[in-house]
Amino acid sequence: MAILEVEHLSKTFERTEVLKDINFSLEKGQVVSLIGSSGSGKTTCLRCLNFLERPDTGIIRVNGETLFDANDPVTTQEEAIRKKRLHFGLVFQSFNLFPQYTALGNVMLASELLAKERPDYKENKRTIHEEIEHKAEALLVQMGLGDRMKNYPHQLSGGQCQRVAIARALALQPDILCFDEPTSALDPELTGEVLRVIKELAEQRTTMIIVTHEMAFARDVSNHVIFMDDGRILEEGTPEEVFGNPREARTQQFLGHFVQ
């Protein structure tokens, strides 16, 4: 069974159709790259999956459970959607770290807020806090930031901030990790840092959706590639199929701008 199923997703902003009948699925442990020119709908698609935008039509299922159905009011209630966001971990292109928290505090924050909803929180507050802290520390060590846990975002490089953001997204153990152009705000050296971390996650069979303009990286790390154009999925397939022998003229034109 697919871990993610997306059916007939569409989204319109005012009179502009940004997504047009999007359909795809994702298997556990698979890495899917969404590629295409700016304005093709990639980021909006990712934001709809994370319920940061509400689709006009369509269905989103995770592990067979319908998280969103535009025709079912029960699944579109904000309180229900807030909890369903936990299935996804999102890494933004501009980090979106909280400046008043250290690297460790940023990674711990969501887990601590959720812990306060537990019925046993008051009586086990210290133990729960220690568990969350140890887990966050382990994630930052995994990101190569074991010596920067007490630093604030302004004391970190862009690449380090993005690695903190990745640790934060992993902290709640999401079913699917999503990246929205995670290197677009970084210089080439820092880009390499972040791409290495994402590649290591792929090698660990982390289920991921990556919106990226790094074509060589997408070809190297992905199991499946989706090319979007004008709000539609124009072509999809294995990296070998999409990059090596694209069928559609628009895909050929887009990829022609990149060194193969």
C-alpha atoms as a PDB file:
ATOM      1  CA  MET A   1       0.000   0.000   0.000  1.00  0.00           C
ATOM      2  CA  ALA A   2       1.210   3.500  -0.838  1.00  0.00           C
ATOM      3  CA  ILE A   3       2.100   5.640   2.156  1.00  0.00           C
ATOM      4  CA  LEU A   4       0.719   8.728   0.344  1.00  0.00           C
ATOM      5  CA  GLU A   5      -2.056   8.961  -2.236  1.00  0.00           C
ATOM      6  CA  VAL A   6      -2.999  12.259  -3.861  1.00  0.00           C
ATOM      7  CA  GLU A   7      -6.078  12.338  -6.080  1.00  0.00           C
ATOM      8  CA  HIS A   8      -7.461  15.175  -8.225  1.00  0.00           C
ATOM      9  CA  LEU A   9      -5.867  17.958  -6.209  1.00  0.00           C
ATOM     10  CA  SER A  10      -6.588  21.454  -7.479  1.00  0.00           C
ATOM     11  CA  LYS A  11      -6.043  24.946  -6.104  1.00  0.00           C
ATOM     12  CA  THR A  12      -7.033  28.368  -7.409  1.00  0.00           C
ATOM     13  CA  PHE A  13      -5.861  31.735  -6.097  1.00  0.00           C
ATOM     14  CA  GLU A  14      -8.375  34.377  -7.185  1.00  0.00           C
ATOM     15  CA  ARG A  15      -8.708  33.532 -10.900  1.00  0.00           C
ATOM     16  CA  THR A  16      -5.410  31.724 -11.344  1.00  0.00           C
ATOM     17  CA  GLU A  17      -5.427  27.925 -11.410  1.00  0.00           C
ATOM     18  CA  VAL A  18      -2.201  27.035  -9.635  1.00  0.00           C
ATOM     19  CA  LEU A  19      -2.825  23.285  -9.370  1.00  0.00           C
ATOM     20  CA  LYS A  20      -4.825  21.370 -11.965  1.00  0.00           C
ATOM     21  CA  ASP A  21      -5.927  17.793 -11.210  1.00  0.00           C
ATOM     22  CA  ILE A  22      -2.754  16.554  -9.477  1.00  0.00           C
ATOM     23  CA  ASN A  23      -2.530  12.779  -9.010  1.00  0.00           C
ATOM     24  CA  PHE A  24       0.411  10.778  -7.664  1.00  0.00           C
ATOM     25  CA  SER A  25       1.382   8.293  -4.964  1.00  0.00           C
ATOM     26  CA  LEU A  26       4.410   7.644  -2.808  1.00  0.00           C
ATOM     27  CA  GLU A  27       5.710   4.357  -1.402  1.00  0.00           C
ATOM     28  CA  LYS A  28       7.350   4.020   2.007  1.00  0.00           C
ATOM     29  CA  GLY A  29      11.081   4.685   1.756  1.00  0.00           C
ATOM     30  CA  GLN A  30      10.712   6.389  -1.629  1.00  0.00           C
ATOM     31  CA  VAL A  31      12.196   9.765  -2.540  1.00  0.00           C
ATOM     32  CA  VAL A  32      10.178  11.817  -5.016  1.00  0.00           C
ATOM     33  CA  SER A  33      11.559  15.023  -6.530  1.00  0.00           C
ATOM     34  CA  LEU A  34       9.204  17.675  -7.871  1.00  0.00           C
ATOM     35  CA  ILE A  35      10.915  19.664 -10.601  1.00  0.00           C
ATOM     36  CA  GLY A  36       9.798  22.378 -12.991  1.00  0.00           C
ATOM     37  CA  SER A  37      10.117  26.079 -13.626  1.00  0.00           C
ATOM     38  CA  SER A  38       9.209  28.722 -11.056  1.00  0.00           C
ATOM     39  CA  GLY A  39       5.455  29.166 -10.913  1.00  0.00           C
ATOM     40  CA  SER A  40       4.698  25.629 -12.067  1.00  0.00           C
ATOM     41  CA  GLY A  41       2.871  24.772  -8.825  1.00  0.00           C
ATOM     42  CA  LYS A  42       5.508  22.714  -6.985  1.00  0.00           C
ATOM     43  CA  THR A  43       5.536  24.677  -3.747  1.00  0.00           C
ATOM     44  CA  THR A  44       1.752  25.078  -3.699  1.00  0.00           C
ATOM     45  CA  CYS A  45       1.441  21.321  -4.077  1.00  0.00           C
ATOM     46  CA  LEU A  46       3.739  20.794  -1.102  1.00  0.00           C
ATOM     47  CA  ARG A  47       1.872  23.384   0.982  1.00  0.00           C
ATOM     48  CA  CYS A  48      -1.437  21.677   0.210  1.00  0.00           C
ATOM     49  CA  LEU A  49      -0.021  18.347   1.364  1.00  0.00           C
ATOM     50  CA  ASN A  50       1.031  20.001   4.628  1.00  0.00           C
ATOM     51  CA  PHE A  51      -2.357  21.759   4.942  1.00  0.00           C
ATOM     52  CA  LEU A  52      -0.774  25.196   4.852  1.00  0.00           C
ATOM     53  CA  GLU A  53      -3.066  25.796   1.890  1.00  0.00           C
ATOM     54  CA  ARG A  54      -6.494  24.220   1.572  1.00  0.00           C
ATOM     55  CA  PRO A  55      -7.093  22.510  -1.805  1.00  0.00           C
ATOM     56  CA  ASP A  56     -10.284  23.360  -3.688  1.00  0.00           C
ATOM     57  CA  THR A  57     -10.780  19.758  -4.776  1.00  0.00           C
ATOM     58  CA  GLY A  58      -9.097  16.459  -4.145  1.00  0.00           C
ATOM     59  CA  ILE A  59      -8.255  13.760  -1.650  1.00  0.00           C
ATOM     60  CA  ILE A  60      -5.099  13.211   0.434  1.00  0.00           C
ATOM     61  CA  ARG A  61      -4.545   9.830   2.083  1.00  0.00           C
ATOM     62  CA  VAL A  62      -1.681   8.675   4.306  1.00  0.00           C
ATOM     63  CA  ASN A  63      -1.348   4.985   5.163  1.00  0.00           C
ATOM     64  CA  GLY A  64      -4.843   4.413   3.805  1.00  0.00           C
ATOM     65  CA  GLU A  65      -6.422   7.041   6.062  1.00  0.00           C
ATOM     66  CA  THR A  66      -8.228   9.910   4.357  1.00  0.00           C
ATOM     67  CA  LEU A  67      -6.714  13.043   5.849  1.00  0.00           C
ATOM     68  CA  PHE A  68      -8.473  15.424   3.511  1.00  0.00           C
ATOM     69  CA  ASP A  69     -11.437  15.150   1.174  1.00  0.00           C
ATOM     70  CA  ALA A  70     -12.726  18.429  -0.228  1.00  0.00           C
ATOM     71  CA  ASN A  71     -16.220  16.906  -0.384  1.00  0.00           C
ATOM     72  CA  ASP A  72     -16.217  15.747   3.248  1.00  0.00           C
ATOM     73  CA  PRO A  73     -16.631  18.642   5.729  1.00  0.00           C
ATOM     74  CA  VAL A  74     -15.433  16.488   8.631  1.00  0.00           C
ATOM     75  CA  THR A  75     -11.945  16.183   7.127  1.00  0.00           C
ATOM     76  CA  THR A  76     -11.670  19.901   6.400  1.00  0.00           C
ATOM     77  CA  GLN A  77     -12.205  21.158   9.970  1.00  0.00           C
ATOM     78  CA  GLU A  78      -9.227  23.128  11.255  1.00  0.00           C
ATOM     79  CA  GLU A  79      -8.907  21.186  14.513  1.00  0.00           C
ATOM     80  CA  ALA A  80      -8.714  17.892  12.619  1.00  0.00           C
ATOM     81  CA  ILE A  81      -6.253  19.311  10.094  1.00  0.00           C
ATOM     82  CA  ARG A  82      -3.931  20.599  12.839  1.00  0.00           C
ATOM     83  CA  LYS A  83      -3.358  17.051  14.068  1.00  0.00           C
ATOM     84  CA  LYS A  84      -3.072  15.648  10.547  1.00  0.00           C
ATOM     85  CA  ARG A  85      -0.150  17.961   9.833  1.00  0.00           C
ATOM     86  CA  LEU A  86       1.881  15.715  12.132  1.00  0.00           C
ATOM     87  CA  HIS A  87       2.058  13.119   9.334  1.00  0.00           C
ATOM     88  CA  PHE A  88       4.327  15.532   7.451  1.00  0.00           C
ATOM     89  CA  GLY A  89       7.567  17.252   8.396  1.00  0.00           C
ATOM     90  CA  LEU A  90       8.231  20.376   6.340  1.00  0.00           C
ATOM     91  CA  VAL A  91      11.597  22.045   5.789  1.00  0.00           C
ATOM     92  CA  PHE A  92      11.196  25.573   4.412  1.00  0.00           C
ATOM     93  CA  GLN A  93      13.641  27.228   2.038  1.00  0.00           C
ATOM     94  CA  SER A  94      14.209  30.122   4.470  1.00  0.00           C
ATOM     95  CA  PHE A  95      14.656  27.940   7.600  1.00  0.00           C
ATOM     96  CA  ASN A  96      11.829  29.628   9.599  1.00  0.00           C
ATOM     97  CA  LEU A  97      13.641  29.080  12.893  1.00  0.00           C
ATOM     98  CA  PHE A  98      12.485  30.966  15.985  1.00  0.00           C
ATOM     99  CA  PRO A  99      15.223  33.532  16.734  1.00  0.00           C
ATOM    100  CA  GLN A 100      14.534  33.559  20.489  1.00  0.00           C
ATOM    101  CA  TYR A 101      15.326  29.832  20.825  1.00  0.00           C
ATOM    102  CA  THR A 102      18.653  28.036  20.580  1.00  0.00           C
ATOM    103  CA  ALA A 103      19.204  25.287  18.028  1.00  0.00           C
ATOM    104  CA  LEU A 104      18.220  22.768  20.700  1.00  0.00           C
ATOM    105  CA  GLY A 105      15.188  24.805  21.718  1.00  0.00           C
ATOM    106  CA  ASN A 106      13.963  25.006  18.119  1.00  0.00           C
ATOM    107  CA  VAL A 107      14.147  21.225  17.753  1.00  0.00           C
ATOM    108  CA  MET A 108      12.425  20.599  21.093  1.00  0.00           C
ATOM    109  CA  LEU A 109       9.651  23.183  20.799  1.00  0.00           C
ATOM    110  CA  ALA A 110       6.950  21.277  18.885  1.00  0.00           C
ATOM    111  CA  SER A 111       7.451  18.114  20.928  1.00  0.00           C
ATOM    112  CA  GLU A 112       7.144  20.065  24.173  1.00  0.00           C
ATOM    113  CA  LEU A 113       3.964  21.815  23.039  1.00  0.00           C
ATOM    114  CA  LEU A 114       2.402  18.477  22.118  1.00  0.00           C
ATOM    115  CA  ALA A 115       3.560  16.890  25.371  1.00  0.00           C
ATOM    116  CA  LYS A 116       1.537  19.434  27.334  1.00  0.00           C
ATOM    117  CA  GLU A 117      -1.618  17.879  25.882  1.00  0.00           C
ATOM    118  CA  ARG A 118      -0.783  14.509  27.447  1.00  0.00           C
ATOM    119  CA  PRO A 119      -2.915  13.600  30.479  1.00  0.00           C
ATOM    120  CA  ASP A 120       0.190  12.538  32.421  1.00  0.00           C
ATOM    121  CA  TYR A 121       2.197  15.667  31.628  1.00  0.00           C
ATOM    122  CA  LYS A 122       1.975  17.419  35.006  1.00  0.00           C
ATOM    123  CA  GLU A 123       3.027  14.408  37.052  1.00  0.00           C
ATOM    124  CA  ASN A 124       5.786  13.361  34.639  1.00  0.00           C
ATOM    125  CA  LYS A 125       6.871  16.770  33.363  1.00  0.00           C
ATOM    126  CA  ARG A 126      10.561  16.385  34.194  1.00  0.00           C
ATOM    127  CA  THR A 127      10.901  12.900  32.700  1.00  0.00           C
ATOM    128  CA  ILE A 128       9.036  13.907  29.538  1.00  0.00           C
ATOM    129  CA  HIS A 129      11.208  17.008  29.146  1.00  0.00           C
ATOM    130  CA  GLU A 130      14.394  14.952  29.513  1.00  0.00           C
ATOM    131  CA  GLU A 131      13.208  12.446  26.899  1.00  0.00           C
ATOM    132  CA  ILE A 132      12.425  15.236  24.442  1.00  0.00           C
ATOM    133  CA  GLU A 133      15.779  16.900  25.133  1.00  0.00           C
ATOM    134  CA  HIS A 134      17.776  13.693  24.626  1.00  0.00           C
ATOM    135  CA  LYS A 135      15.990  12.987  21.357  1.00  0.00           C
ATOM    136  CA  ALA A 136      16.605  16.536  20.094  1.00  0.00           C
ATOM    137  CA  GLU A 137      20.275  16.321  21.051  1.00  0.00           C
ATOM    138  CA  ALA A 138      20.633  13.053  19.135  1.00  0.00           C
ATOM    139  CA  LEU A 139      19.076  14.621  16.040  1.00  0.00           C
ATOM    140  CA  LEU A 140      21.421  17.603  16.174  1.00  0.00           C
ATOM    141  CA  VAL A 141      24.390  15.255  16.534  1.00  0.00           C
ATOM    142  CA  GLN A 142      23.084  13.385  13.486  1.00  0.00           C
ATOM    143  CA  MET A 143      23.030  16.719  11.631  1.00  0.00           C
ATOM    144  CA  GLY A 144      26.665  17.382  12.604  1.00  0.00           C
ATOM    145  CA  LEU A 145      25.698  20.114  15.068  1.00  0.00           C
ATOM    146  CA  GLY A 146      26.603  18.502  18.368  1.00  0.00           C
ATOM    147  CA  ASP A 147      28.804  21.469  19.271  1.00  0.00           C
ATOM    148  CA  ARG A 148      26.278  24.146  18.237  1.00  0.00           C
ATOM    149  CA  MET A 149      23.209  23.132  20.275  1.00  0.00           C
ATOM    150  CA  LYS A 150      23.304  26.228  22.488  1.00  0.00           C
ATOM    151  CA  ASN A 151      23.775  28.647  19.602  1.00  0.00           C
ATOM    152  CA  TYR A 152      20.956  30.903  18.444  1.00  0.00           C
ATOM    153  CA  PRO A 153      20.029  31.127  14.745  1.00  0.00           C
ATOM    154  CA  HIS A 154      21.917  34.413  14.278  1.00  0.00           C
ATOM    155  CA  GLN A 155      25.078  32.625  15.466  1.00  0.00           C
ATOM    156  CA  LEU A 156      24.755  29.906  12.812  1.00  0.00           C
ATOM    157  CA  SER A 157      25.490  29.831   9.095  1.00  0.00           C
ATOM    158  CA  GLY A 158      22.670  29.347   6.619  1.00  0.00           C
ATOM    159  CA  GLY A 159      23.644  25.716   6.131  1.00  0.00           C
ATOM    160  CA  GLN A 160      23.659  25.119   9.874  1.00  0.00           C
ATOM    161  CA  CYS A 161      20.256  26.784  10.235  1.00  0.00           C
ATOM    162  CA  GLN A 162      18.872  24.522   7.538  1.00  0.00           C
ATOM    163  CA  ARG A 163      20.264  21.460   9.296  1.00  0.00           C
ATOM    164  CA  VAL A 164      18.566  22.598  12.516  1.00  0.00           C
ATOM    165  CA  ALA A 165      15.345  22.915  10.486  1.00  0.00           C
ATOM    166  CA  ILE A 166      15.770  19.358   9.207  1.00  0.00           C
ATOM    167  CA  ALA A 167      16.302  18.087  12.766  1.00  0.00           C
ATOM    168  CA  ARG A 168      13.180  19.974  13.847  1.00  0.00           C
ATOM    169  CA  ALA A 169      11.147  18.366  11.053  1.00  0.00           C
ATOM    170  CA  LEU A 170      12.388  14.901  12.062  1.00  0.00           C
ATOM    171  CA  ALA A 171      11.680  15.404  15.771  1.00  0.00           C
ATOM    172  CA  LEU A 172       8.021  14.397  15.550  1.00  0.00           C
ATOM    173  CA  GLN A 173       8.835  11.301  13.468  1.00  0.00           C
ATOM    174  CA  PRO A 174       6.646  12.237  10.485  1.00  0.00           C
ATOM    175  CA  ASP A 175       5.569   9.661   7.924  1.00  0.00           C
ATOM    176  CA  ILE A 176       6.836  11.896   5.131  1.00  0.00           C
ATOM    177  CA  LEU A 177       9.591  14.512   5.180  1.00  0.00           C
ATOM    178  CA  CYS A 178       9.012  17.402   2.753  1.00  0.00           C
ATOM    179  CA  PHE A 179      11.597  19.877   1.476  1.00  0.00           C
ATOM    180  CA  ASP A 180      10.638  23.130  -0.240  1.00  0.00           C
ATOM    181  CA  GLU A 181      13.728  24.167  -2.217  1.00  0.00           C
ATOM    182  CA  PRO A 182      15.944  23.642   0.851  1.00  0.00           C
ATOM    183  CA  THR A 183      19.083  25.088  -0.748  1.00  0.00           C
ATOM    184  CA  SER A 184      17.735  28.093  -2.663  1.00  0.00           C
ATOM    185  CA  ALA A 185      18.822  30.554   0.061  1.00  0.00           C
ATOM    186  CA  LEU A 186      22.332  29.097   0.374  1.00  0.00           C
ATOM    187  CA  ASP A 187      25.622  29.682  -1.402  1.00  0.00           C
ATOM    188  CA  PRO A 188      27.224  26.708  -3.242  1.00  0.00           C
ATOM    189  CA  GLU A 189      29.418  25.601  -0.324  1.00  0.00           C
ATOM    190  CA  LEU A 190      26.533  25.561   2.159  1.00  0.00           C
ATOM    191  CA  THR A 191      24.282  23.942  -0.437  1.00  0.00           C
ATOM    192  CA  GLY A 192      26.622  20.953  -0.466  1.00  0.00           C
ATOM    193  CA  GLU A 193      26.323  20.618   3.326  1.00  0.00           C
ATOM    194  CA  VAL A 194      22.544  20.373   3.209  1.00  0.00           C
ATOM    195  CA  LEU A 195      22.400  18.113   0.159  1.00  0.00           C
ATOM    196  CA  ARG A 196      24.752  15.655   1.866  1.00  0.00           C
ATOM    197  CA  VAL A 197      22.403  15.463   4.847  1.00  0.00           C
ATOM    198  CA  ILE A 198      19.381  14.861   2.600  1.00  0.00           C
ATOM    199  CA  LYS A 199      21.267  12.172   0.682  1.00  0.00           C
ATOM    200  CA  GLU A 200      22.136  10.420   3.952  1.00  0.00           C
ATOM    201  CA  LEU A 201      18.449  10.467   4.908  1.00  0.00           C
ATOM    202  CA  ALA A 202      17.597   8.961   1.518  1.00  0.00           C
ATOM    203  CA  GLU A 203      20.141   6.201   2.106  1.00  0.00           C
ATOM    204  CA  GLN A 204      18.391   5.508   5.423  1.00  0.00           C
ATOM    205  CA  ARG A 205      15.154   4.975   3.482  1.00  0.00           C
ATOM    206  CA  THR A 206      13.468   8.112   4.820  1.00  0.00           C
ATOM    207  CA  THR A 207      10.291   8.799   2.834  1.00  0.00           C
ATOM    208  CA  MET A 208      10.690  12.229   1.232  1.00  0.00           C
ATOM    209  CA  ILE A 209       9.223  14.695  -1.232  1.00  0.00           C
ATOM    210  CA  ILE A 210      11.745  17.266  -2.447  1.00  0.00           C
ATOM    211  CA  VAL A 211      10.990  20.419  -4.411  1.00  0.00           C
ATOM    212  CA  THR A 212      14.312  21.368  -5.942  1.00  0.00           C
ATOM    213  CA  HIS A 213      16.081  23.191  -8.761  1.00  0.00           C
ATOM    214  CA  GLU A 214      19.206  21.057  -8.201  1.00  0.00           C
ATOM    215  CA  MET A 215      18.798  18.731 -11.166  1.00  0.00           C
ATOM    216  CA  ALA A 216      21.967  16.697 -10.633  1.00  0.00           C
ATOM    217  CA  PHE A 217      20.946  16.115  -7.030  1.00  0.00           C
ATOM    218  CA  ALA A 218      17.381  15.149  -7.995  1.00  0.00           C
ATOM    219  CA  ARG A 219      18.728  12.665 -10.516  1.00  0.00           C
ATOM    220  CA  ASP A 220      21.117  11.175  -7.974  1.00  0.00           C
ATOM    221  CA  VAL A 221      18.901  10.910  -4.893  1.00  0.00           C
ATOM    222  CA  SER A 222      15.389  10.257  -6.254  1.00  0.00           C
ATOM    223  CA  ASN A 223      13.527   7.042  -6.946  1.00  0.00           C
ATOM    224  CA  HIS A 224      10.832   8.937  -8.825  1.00  0.00           C
ATOM    225  CA  VAL A 225      10.751  12.335 -10.546  1.00  0.00           C
ATOM    226  CA  ILE A 226       7.674  14.450 -11.281  1.00  0.00           C
ATOM    227  CA  PHE A 227       7.934  17.299 -13.782  1.00  0.00           C
ATOM    228  CA  MET A 228       5.321  20.003 -13.276  1.00  0.00           C
ATOM    229  CA  ASP A 229       4.377  22.701 -15.753  1.00  0.00           C
ATOM    230  CA  ASP A 230       1.593  25.272 -15.555  1.00  0.00           C
ATOM    231  CA  GLY A 231       0.008  23.588 -12.529  1.00  0.00           C
ATOM    232  CA  ARG A 232      -0.065  20.104 -14.047  1.00  0.00           C
ATOM    233  CA  ILE A 233       2.017  16.972 -13.812  1.00  0.00           C
ATOM    234  CA  LEU A 234       3.278  16.835 -17.362  1.00  0.00           C
ATOM    235  CA  GLU A 235       5.638  13.894 -17.029  1.00  0.00           C
ATOM    236  CA  GLU A 236       6.864  11.480 -14.367  1.00  0.00           C
ATOM    237  CA  GLY A 237       9.021   8.406 -14.099  1.00  0.00           C
ATOM    238  CA  THR A 238      12.339   7.124 -12.844  1.00  0.00           C
ATOM    239  CA  PRO A 239      15.289   9.537 -12.919  1.00  0.00           C
ATOM    240  CA  GLU A 240      16.648   7.592 -15.881  1.00  0.00           C
ATOM    241  CA  GLU A 241      13.398   8.048 -17.797  1.00  0.00           C
ATOM    242  CA  VAL A 242      12.773  11.726 -17.023  1.00  0.00           C
ATOM    243  CA  PHE A 243      16.359  12.967 -17.224  1.00  0.00           C
ATOM    244  CA  GLY A 244      17.726  10.479 -19.739  1.00  0.00           C
ATOM    245  CA  ASN A 245      14.856  10.220 -22.186  1.00  0.00           C
ATOM    246  CA  PRO A 246      12.109  12.794 -21.511  1.00  0.00           C
ATOM    247  CA  ARG A 247       9.034  12.285 -23.702  1.00  0.00           C
ATOM    248  CA  GLU A 248       7.440  15.722 -23.564  1.00  0.00           C
ATOM    249  CA  ALA A 249       8.858  18.664 -25.505  1.00  0.00           C
ATOM    250  CA  ARG A 250       8.356  20.970 -22.511  1.00  0.00           C
ATOM    251  CA  THR A 251      10.347  18.624 -20.274  1.00  0.00           C
ATOM    252  CA  GLN A 252      13.109  18.495 -22.873  1.00  0.00           C
ATOM    253  CA  GLN A 253      13.139  22.281 -23.078  1.00  0.00           C
ATOM    254  CA  PHE A 254      13.304  22.708 -19.301  1.00  0.00           C
ATOM    255  CA  LEU A 255      16.067  20.145 -18.804  1.00  0.00           C
ATOM    256  CA  GLY A 256      17.985  21.609 -21.724  1.00  0.00           C
ATOM    257  CA  HIS A 257      18.919  24.522 -19.485  1.00  0.00           C
ATOM    258  CA  PHE A 258      20.857  22.187 -17.195  1.00  0.00           C
ATOM    259  CA  VAL A 259      24.037  20.266 -17.834  1.00  0.00           C
ATOM    260  CA  GLN A 260      23.195  16.572 -18.031  1.00  0.00           C
END
